[in-house]
């Protein structure tokens, strides 16, 4: 059991626990979304792979020029590039937000500890 020191410290710990629950929920949503995204990208890659292999067969018999292979592969290259930009942007924003939340929680705990120290001091007799 936690030893209660002050209402401010208890409130700070309650806020931290609430943030942890929110983080766990967001992490589950994120893992689910990324799993679906990866499955869709893999399915898309297989479909493009089939198109590229058919185009390569057509190039082998001389029905189409070699540049058609690149044209068939471009949708996959574009999707993977956009996905990489999305991941980089989201991870950067997530890092900045996480650092800010952590810093605010630490400041709140330090202020609660300072309040406890000040409250435990005897009043000076003047």
C-alpha atoms as a PDB file:
ATOM      1  CA  UNK A   1       0.000   0.000   0.000  1.00  0.00           C
ATOM      2  CA  UNK A   2       1.075   3.537  -0.705  1.00  0.00           C
ATOM      3  CA  UNK A   3       1.785   5.778   2.216  1.00  0.00           C
ATOM      4  CA  UNK A   4      -0.234   8.964   1.789  1.00  0.00           C
ATOM      5  CA  UNK A   5       1.785  12.103   2.367  1.00  0.00           C
ATOM      6  CA  UNK A   6      -0.407  14.948   1.161  1.00  0.00           C
ATOM      7  CA  UNK A   7      -3.474  15.572  -0.945  1.00  0.00           C
ATOM      8  CA  UNK A   8      -1.327  17.242  -3.616  1.00  0.00           C
ATOM      9  CA  UNK A   9       0.952  14.198  -3.896  1.00  0.00           C
ATOM     10  CA  UNK A  10      -2.057  11.849  -4.010  1.00  0.00           C
ATOM     11  CA  UNK A  11      -3.619  13.961  -6.734  1.00  0.00           C
ATOM     12  CA  UNK A  12      -0.368  13.968  -8.700  1.00  0.00           C
ATOM     13  CA  UNK A  13      -0.098  10.166  -8.453  1.00  0.00           C
ATOM     14  CA  UNK A  14      -3.740   9.798  -9.515  1.00  0.00           C
ATOM     15  CA  UNK A  15      -3.073  11.945 -12.585  1.00  0.00           C
ATOM     16  CA  UNK A  16       0.011   9.896 -13.415  1.00  0.00           C
ATOM     17  CA  UNK A  17      -1.974   6.643 -13.142  1.00  0.00           C
ATOM     18  CA  UNK A  18      -4.680   8.111 -15.387  1.00  0.00           C
ATOM     19  CA  UNK A  19      -2.038   9.048 -17.967  1.00  0.00           C
ATOM     20  CA  UNK A  20      -0.571   5.543 -17.804  1.00  0.00           C
ATOM     21  CA  UNK A  21      -3.997   4.010 -18.504  1.00  0.00           C
ATOM     22  CA  UNK A  22      -4.467   6.390 -21.437  1.00  0.00           C
ATOM     23  CA  UNK A  23      -0.991   5.477 -22.743  1.00  0.00           C
ATOM     24  CA  UNK A  24      -1.808   1.753 -22.568  1.00  0.00           C
ATOM     25  CA  UNK A  25      -5.067   2.289 -24.487  1.00  0.00           C
ATOM     26  CA  UNK A  26      -3.346   4.381 -27.148  1.00  0.00           C
ATOM     27  CA  UNK A  27      -0.603   1.788 -27.446  1.00  0.00           C
ATOM     28  CA  UNK A  28      -3.210  -0.952 -28.083  1.00  0.00           C
ATOM     29  CA  UNK A  29      -4.965   1.193 -30.702  1.00  0.00           C
ATOM     30  CA  UNK A  30      -1.629   1.961 -32.326  1.00  0.00           C
ATOM     31  CA  UNK A  31      -0.555  -1.681 -32.466  1.00  0.00           C
ATOM     32  CA  UNK A  32      -3.893  -2.664 -33.997  1.00  0.00           C
ATOM     33  CA  UNK A  33      -3.771   0.128 -36.578  1.00  0.00           C
ATOM     34  CA  UNK A  34      -0.187  -0.651 -37.559  1.00  0.00           C
ATOM     35  CA  UNK A  35      -0.991  -4.378 -37.845  1.00  0.00           C
ATOM     36  CA  UNK A  36      -3.861  -3.617 -40.231  1.00  0.00           C
ATOM     37  CA  UNK A  37      -1.657  -1.192 -42.166  1.00  0.00           C
ATOM     38  CA  UNK A  38       1.119  -3.762 -42.543  1.00  0.00           C
ATOM     39  CA  UNK A  39      -1.378  -6.418 -43.686  1.00  0.00           C
ATOM     40  CA  UNK A  40      -2.832  -4.062 -46.307  1.00  0.00           C
ATOM     41  CA  UNK A  41       0.619  -3.022 -47.540  1.00  0.00           C
ATOM     42  CA  UNK A  42       1.664  -6.673 -47.821  1.00  0.00           C
ATOM     43  CA  UNK A  43      -1.490  -7.486 -49.777  1.00  0.00           C
ATOM     44  CA  UNK A  44      -0.847  -4.481 -52.026  1.00  0.00           C
ATOM     45  CA  UNK A  45       2.781  -5.597 -52.490  1.00  0.00           C
ATOM     46  CA  UNK A  46       1.637  -9.064 -53.566  1.00  0.00           C
ATOM     47  CA  UNK A  47      -0.820  -7.582 -56.062  1.00  0.00           C
ATOM     48  CA  UNK A  48       1.839  -5.269 -57.509  1.00  0.00           C
ATOM     49  CA  UNK A  49       4.299  -8.165 -57.534  1.00  0.00           C
ATOM     50  CA  UNK A  50       1.902 -10.159 -59.679  1.00  0.00           C
ATOM     51  CA  UNK A  51       1.538  -7.216 -62.081  1.00  0.00           C
ATOM     52  CA  UNK A  52       5.319  -6.803 -62.261  1.00  0.00           C
ATOM     53  CA  UNK A  53       5.821 -10.524 -62.956  1.00  0.00           C
ATOM     54  CA  UNK A  54       3.224 -10.400 -65.758  1.00  0.00           C
ATOM     55  CA  UNK A  55       4.914  -7.309 -67.175  1.00  0.00           C
ATOM     56  CA  UNK A  56       8.296  -9.076 -67.005  1.00  0.00           C
ATOM     57  CA  UNK A  57       6.822 -11.982 -68.938  1.00  0.00           C
ATOM     58  CA  UNK A  58       5.546  -9.557 -71.571  1.00  0.00           C
ATOM     59  CA  UNK A  59       8.980  -7.879 -71.719  1.00  0.00           C
ATOM     60  CA  UNK A  60      10.621 -11.298 -72.150  1.00  0.00           C
ATOM     61  CA  UNK A  61       8.614 -12.010 -75.303  1.00  0.00           C
ATOM     62  CA  UNK A  62       9.118  -8.448 -76.569  1.00  0.00           C
ATOM     63  CA  UNK A  63       5.473  -7.361 -76.286  1.00  0.00           C
ATOM     64  CA  UNK A  64       6.225  -4.252 -74.170  1.00  0.00           C
ATOM     65  CA  UNK A  65       9.349  -2.140 -73.505  1.00  0.00           C
ATOM     66  CA  UNK A  66      11.487  -2.608 -70.363  1.00  0.00           C
ATOM     67  CA  UNK A  67      10.260   0.674 -68.897  1.00  0.00           C
ATOM     68  CA  UNK A  68       6.868  -0.933 -68.360  1.00  0.00           C
ATOM     69  CA  UNK A  69       8.356  -2.880 -65.432  1.00  0.00           C
ATOM     70  CA  UNK A  70       9.181   0.351 -63.621  1.00  0.00           C
ATOM     71  CA  UNK A  71       5.728   1.691 -64.447  1.00  0.00           C
ATOM     72  CA  UNK A  72       4.127  -1.398 -62.954  1.00  0.00           C
ATOM     73  CA  UNK A  73       6.224  -1.125 -59.767  1.00  0.00           C
ATOM     74  CA  UNK A  74       5.694   2.637 -59.213  1.00  0.00           C
ATOM     75  CA  UNK A  75       2.418   2.386 -57.220  1.00  0.00           C
ATOM     76  CA  UNK A  76       4.153   0.203 -54.628  1.00  0.00           C
ATOM     77  CA  UNK A  77       7.169   2.505 -54.467  1.00  0.00           C
ATOM     78  CA  UNK A  78       4.910   5.536 -53.979  1.00  0.00           C
ATOM     79  CA  UNK A  79       2.830   3.858 -51.255  1.00  0.00           C
ATOM     80  CA  UNK A  80       5.928   2.681 -49.369  1.00  0.00           C
ATOM     81  CA  UNK A  81       7.475   6.153 -49.612  1.00  0.00           C
ATOM     82  CA  UNK A  82       4.333   7.826 -48.288  1.00  0.00           C
ATOM     83  CA  UNK A  83       4.080   5.265 -45.485  1.00  0.00           C
ATOM     84  CA  UNK A  84       7.694   5.952 -44.503  1.00  0.00           C
ATOM     85  CA  UNK A  85       7.020   9.707 -44.382  1.00  0.00           C
ATOM     86  CA  UNK A  86       3.894   9.107 -42.289  1.00  0.00           C
ATOM     87  CA  UNK A  87       5.757   6.898 -39.816  1.00  0.00           C
ATOM     88  CA  UNK A  88       8.623   9.387 -39.515  1.00  0.00           C
ATOM     89  CA  UNK A  89       6.248  12.302 -38.919  1.00  0.00           C
ATOM     90  CA  UNK A  90       4.074  10.488 -36.391  1.00  0.00           C
ATOM     91  CA  UNK A  91       7.021   9.108 -34.448  1.00  0.00           C
ATOM     92  CA  UNK A  92       8.623  12.555 -34.264  1.00  0.00           C
ATOM     93  CA  UNK A  93       5.416  14.156 -32.994  1.00  0.00           C
ATOM     94  CA  UNK A  94       4.956  11.286 -30.535  1.00  0.00           C
ATOM     95  CA  UNK A  95       8.453  11.734 -29.149  1.00  0.00           C
ATOM     96  CA  UNK A  96       7.935  15.458 -28.590  1.00  0.00           C
ATOM     97  CA  UNK A  97       4.541  14.941 -26.922  1.00  0.00           C
ATOM     98  CA  UNK A  98       5.865  12.138 -24.743  1.00  0.00           C
ATOM     99  CA  UNK A  99       8.815  14.241 -23.577  1.00  0.00           C
ATOM    100  CA  UNK A 100       6.498  17.119 -22.714  1.00  0.00           C
ATOM    101  CA  UNK A 101       4.080  14.898 -20.750  1.00  0.00           C
ATOM    102  CA  UNK A 102       6.941  13.301 -18.845  1.00  0.00           C
ATOM    103  CA  UNK A 103       8.433  16.693 -17.990  1.00  0.00           C
ATOM    104  CA  UNK A 104       5.092  18.050 -16.759  1.00  0.00           C
ATOM    105  CA  UNK A 105       4.523  14.995 -14.557  1.00  0.00           C
ATOM    106  CA  UNK A 106       7.993  15.310 -13.085  1.00  0.00           C
ATOM    107  CA  UNK A 107       7.451  19.009 -12.347  1.00  0.00           C
ATOM    108  CA  UNK A 108       4.136  18.211 -10.688  1.00  0.00           C
ATOM    109  CA  UNK A 109       5.734  15.558  -8.466  1.00  0.00           C
ATOM    110  CA  UNK A 110       8.575  17.898  -7.515  1.00  0.00           C
ATOM    111  CA  UNK A 111       6.083  20.620  -6.573  1.00  0.00           C
ATOM    112  CA  UNK A 112       4.108  18.137  -4.453  1.00  0.00           C
ATOM    113  CA  UNK A 113       7.326  17.073  -2.695  1.00  0.00           C
ATOM    114  CA  UNK A 114       8.232  20.730  -2.097  1.00  0.00           C
ATOM    115  CA  UNK A 115       4.764  21.330  -0.657  1.00  0.00           C
ATOM    116  CA  UNK A 116       5.249  18.385   1.714  1.00  0.00           C
ATOM    117  CA  UNK A 117       8.597  19.766   2.870  1.00  0.00           C
ATOM    118  CA  UNK A 118       7.160  23.216   3.464  1.00  0.00           C
ATOM    119  CA  UNK A 119       4.116  21.815   5.264  1.00  0.00           C
ATOM    120  CA  UNK A 120       6.245  19.688   7.598  1.00  0.00           C
ATOM    121  CA  UNK A 121       8.407  22.616   8.758  1.00  0.00           C
ATOM    122  CA  UNK A 122       7.420  24.171  12.049  1.00  0.00           C
ATOM    123  CA  UNK A 123       6.213  27.751  11.857  1.00  0.00           C
ATOM    124  CA  UNK A 124       8.942  30.163  12.919  1.00  0.00           C
ATOM    125  CA  UNK A 125       8.134  32.066  16.094  1.00  0.00           C
ATOM    126  CA  UNK A 126       8.343  35.806  15.435  1.00  0.00           C
END
